[in-house]
Amino acid sequence: MKTTTREKITFKKWDLAEILDTKEDIAACLEVALSEGNTQFLFETLGVLARSKGMTQIAKELGVTREGLYKSLSIDGSPSFYTVVKLFDVFGLRIKLEPKSA
């Protein structure tokens, strides 16, 4: 009788933060998050983007603690408008407003 050896397959949890490399990638993610109209989703997306750039470095640039930044950018978080605007700046993006189409 012939025996076969099964190869063990392991899975790694997929993390968007690991594949975001460019300002264009970040801008596309933020456009989707903003179009959803859900602030918690936006804050969580900002957290993913901050992790992609290095949460410790981002926190230093914003003048906040790493833990505080994680908390404010969680799904239950509530970052200040200042923090959100500064994050856009750190990501190399600017906010542009356009009138809604009718």
C-alpha atoms as a PDB file:
ATOM      1  CA  MET A   1       0.000   0.000   0.000  1.00  0.00           C
ATOM      2  CA  LYS A   2       1.329   3.394  -1.000  1.00  0.00           C
ATOM      3  CA  THR A   3       1.286   6.200   1.573  1.00  0.00           C
ATOM      4  CA  THR A   4       1.202   9.862   0.692  1.00  0.00           C
ATOM      5  CA  THR A   5       2.508  12.757   2.665  1.00  0.00           C
ATOM      6  CA  ARG A   6       0.328  15.808   2.814  1.00  0.00           C
ATOM      7  CA  GLU A   7       1.988  19.145   2.764  1.00  0.00           C
ATOM      8  CA  LYS A   8       0.834  21.373   5.588  1.00  0.00           C
ATOM      9  CA  ILE A   9      -0.682  24.584   4.306  1.00  0.00           C
ATOM     10  CA  THR A  10      -0.655  27.636   6.514  1.00  0.00           C
ATOM     11  CA  PHE A  11      -2.555  30.818   5.944  1.00  0.00           C
ATOM     12  CA  LYS A  12      -1.596  34.286   6.933  1.00  0.00           C
ATOM     13  CA  LYS A  13      -4.215  36.909   7.696  1.00  0.00           C
ATOM     14  CA  TRP A  14      -4.337  39.358   4.806  1.00  0.00           C
ATOM     15  CA  ASP A  15      -3.438  42.909   5.792  1.00  0.00           C
ATOM     16  CA  LEU A  16      -4.042  45.836   3.457  1.00  0.00           C
ATOM     17  CA  ALA A  17      -1.364  47.840   5.286  1.00  0.00           C
ATOM     18  CA  GLU A  18       1.309  45.498   3.911  1.00  0.00           C
ATOM     19  CA  ILE A  19       0.621  46.306   0.253  1.00  0.00           C
ATOM     20  CA  LEU A  20       0.066  50.076   0.286  1.00  0.00           C
ATOM     21  CA  ASP A  21       3.181  51.619  -1.201  1.00  0.00           C
ATOM     22  CA  THR A  22       2.288  54.808  -3.029  1.00  0.00           C
ATOM     23  CA  LYS A  23       0.407  58.035  -2.461  1.00  0.00           C
ATOM     24  CA  GLU A  24      -1.919  56.895  -5.237  1.00  0.00           C
ATOM     25  CA  ASP A  25      -2.735  53.681  -3.332  1.00  0.00           C
ATOM     26  CA  ILE A  26      -3.421  55.671  -0.183  1.00  0.00           C
ATOM     27  CA  ALA A  27      -5.544  58.227  -2.039  1.00  0.00           C
ATOM     28  CA  ALA A  28      -7.623  55.450  -3.627  1.00  0.00           C
ATOM     29  CA  CYS A  29      -8.266  53.841  -0.223  1.00  0.00           C
ATOM     30  CA  LEU A  30      -9.298  57.158   1.271  1.00  0.00           C
ATOM     31  CA  GLU A  31     -11.614  57.931  -1.651  1.00  0.00           C
ATOM     32  CA  VAL A  32     -13.429  54.652  -1.063  1.00  0.00           C
ATOM     33  CA  ALA A  33     -13.609  55.238   2.700  1.00  0.00           C
ATOM     34  CA  LEU A  34     -14.925  58.782   2.239  1.00  0.00           C
ATOM     35  CA  SER A  35     -17.488  57.699  -0.351  1.00  0.00           C
ATOM     36  CA  GLU A  36     -18.991  55.242   2.137  1.00  0.00           C
ATOM     37  CA  GLY A  37     -20.138  58.104   4.365  1.00  0.00           C
ATOM     38  CA  ASN A  38     -19.313  56.132   7.508  1.00  0.00           C
ATOM     39  CA  THR A  39     -16.964  57.924   9.893  1.00  0.00           C
ATOM     40  CA  GLN A  40     -16.015  54.770  11.791  1.00  0.00           C
ATOM     41  CA  PHE A  41     -15.000  53.123   8.512  1.00  0.00           C
ATOM     42  CA  LEU A  42     -12.980  56.236   7.614  1.00  0.00           C
ATOM     43  CA  PHE A  43     -11.188  56.226  10.981  1.00  0.00           C
ATOM     44  CA  GLU A  44     -10.403  52.530  10.698  1.00  0.00           C
ATOM     45  CA  THR A  45      -9.099  53.071   7.150  1.00  0.00           C
ATOM     46  CA  LEU A  46      -6.894  55.911   8.383  1.00  0.00           C
ATOM     47  CA  GLY A  47      -5.549  53.481  11.000  1.00  0.00           C
ATOM     48  CA  VAL A  48      -4.673  50.921   8.326  1.00  0.00           C
ATOM     49  CA  LEU A  49      -2.959  53.618   6.282  1.00  0.00           C
ATOM     50  CA  ALA A  50      -1.024  54.847   9.323  1.00  0.00           C
ATOM     51  CA  ARG A  51       0.143  51.275   9.997  1.00  0.00           C
ATOM     52  CA  SER A  52       1.296  51.030   6.381  1.00  0.00           C
ATOM     53  CA  LYS A  53       3.561  54.033   6.939  1.00  0.00           C
ATOM     54  CA  GLY A  54       4.648  53.059  10.455  1.00  0.00           C
ATOM     55  CA  MET A  55       2.411  53.925  13.377  1.00  0.00           C
ATOM     56  CA  THR A  56       5.297  54.978  15.640  1.00  0.00           C
ATOM     57  CA  GLN A  57       6.686  57.442  13.095  1.00  0.00           C
ATOM     58  CA  ILE A  58       3.221  58.825  12.294  1.00  0.00           C
ATOM     59  CA  ALA A  59       2.490  59.316  16.006  1.00  0.00           C
ATOM     60  CA  LYS A  60       5.772  61.217  16.421  1.00  0.00           C
ATOM     61  CA  GLU A  61       4.949  63.463  13.462  1.00  0.00           C
ATOM     62  CA  LEU A  62       1.510  64.185  14.928  1.00  0.00           C
ATOM     63  CA  GLY A  63       2.832  64.732  18.453  1.00  0.00           C
ATOM     64  CA  VAL A  64       0.706  61.992  20.017  1.00  0.00           C
ATOM     65  CA  THR A  65       1.455  58.633  21.594  1.00  0.00           C
ATOM     66  CA  ARG A  66       1.410  55.509  19.464  1.00  0.00           C
ATOM     67  CA  GLU A  67      -1.216  53.973  21.730  1.00  0.00           C
ATOM     68  CA  GLY A  68      -3.361  57.099  21.552  1.00  0.00           C
ATOM     69  CA  LEU A  69      -3.172  57.088  17.766  1.00  0.00           C
ATOM     70  CA  TYR A  70      -4.158  53.408  17.619  1.00  0.00           C
ATOM     71  CA  LYS A  71      -7.114  54.124  19.882  1.00  0.00           C
ATOM     72  CA  SER A  72      -8.339  57.192  17.999  1.00  0.00           C
ATOM     73  CA  LEU A  73      -8.051  55.394  14.636  1.00  0.00           C
ATOM     74  CA  SER A  74      -9.861  52.256  15.717  1.00  0.00           C
ATOM     75  CA  ILE A  75     -13.419  51.440  14.664  1.00  0.00           C
ATOM     76  CA  ASP A  76     -14.604  52.887  17.990  1.00  0.00           C
ATOM     77  CA  GLY A  77     -12.238  55.849  17.823  1.00  0.00           C
ATOM     78  CA  SER A  78     -12.922  59.512  17.427  1.00  0.00           C
ATOM     79  CA  PRO A  79      -9.868  61.422  16.197  1.00  0.00           C
ATOM     80  CA  SER A  80      -9.972  65.184  16.117  1.00  0.00           C
ATOM     81  CA  PHE A  81     -10.376  66.968  12.800  1.00  0.00           C
ATOM     82  CA  TYR A  82      -6.845  68.283  13.346  1.00  0.00           C
ATOM     83  CA  THR A  83      -5.539  64.704  13.515  1.00  0.00           C
ATOM     84  CA  VAL A  84      -7.377  63.719  10.333  1.00  0.00           C
ATOM     85  CA  VAL A  85      -6.070  66.759   8.433  1.00  0.00           C
ATOM     86  CA  LYS A  86      -2.520  66.169   9.706  1.00  0.00           C
ATOM     87  CA  LEU A  87      -2.729  62.527   8.595  1.00  0.00           C
ATOM     88  CA  PHE A  88      -3.609  63.636   5.071  1.00  0.00           C
ATOM     89  CA  ASP A  89      -0.545  65.894   5.186  1.00  0.00           C
ATOM     90  CA  VAL A  90       1.697  63.089   6.470  1.00  0.00           C
ATOM     91  CA  PHE A  91       0.398  60.840   3.663  1.00  0.00           C
ATOM     92  CA  GLY A  92       1.364  63.523   1.146  1.00  0.00           C
ATOM     93  CA  LEU A  93      -2.233  64.291   0.219  1.00  0.00           C
ATOM     94  CA  ARG A  94      -4.421  67.364   0.282  1.00  0.00           C
ATOM     95  CA  ILE A  95      -8.128  67.652   0.783  1.00  0.00           C
ATOM     96  CA  LYS A  96     -10.044  69.089  -2.159  1.00  0.00           C
ATOM     97  CA  LEU A  97     -13.737  69.860  -1.939  1.00  0.00           C
ATOM     98  CA  GLU A  98     -16.090  69.778  -4.891  1.00  0.00           C
ATOM     99  CA  PRO A  99     -19.755  70.696  -5.124  1.00  0.00           C
ATOM    100  CA  LYS A 100     -22.133  67.749  -5.231  1.00  0.00           C
ATOM    101  CA  SER A 101     -23.675  67.056  -8.587  1.00  0.00           C
ATOM    102  CA  ALA A 102     -27.435  67.476  -8.732  1.00  0.00           C
END
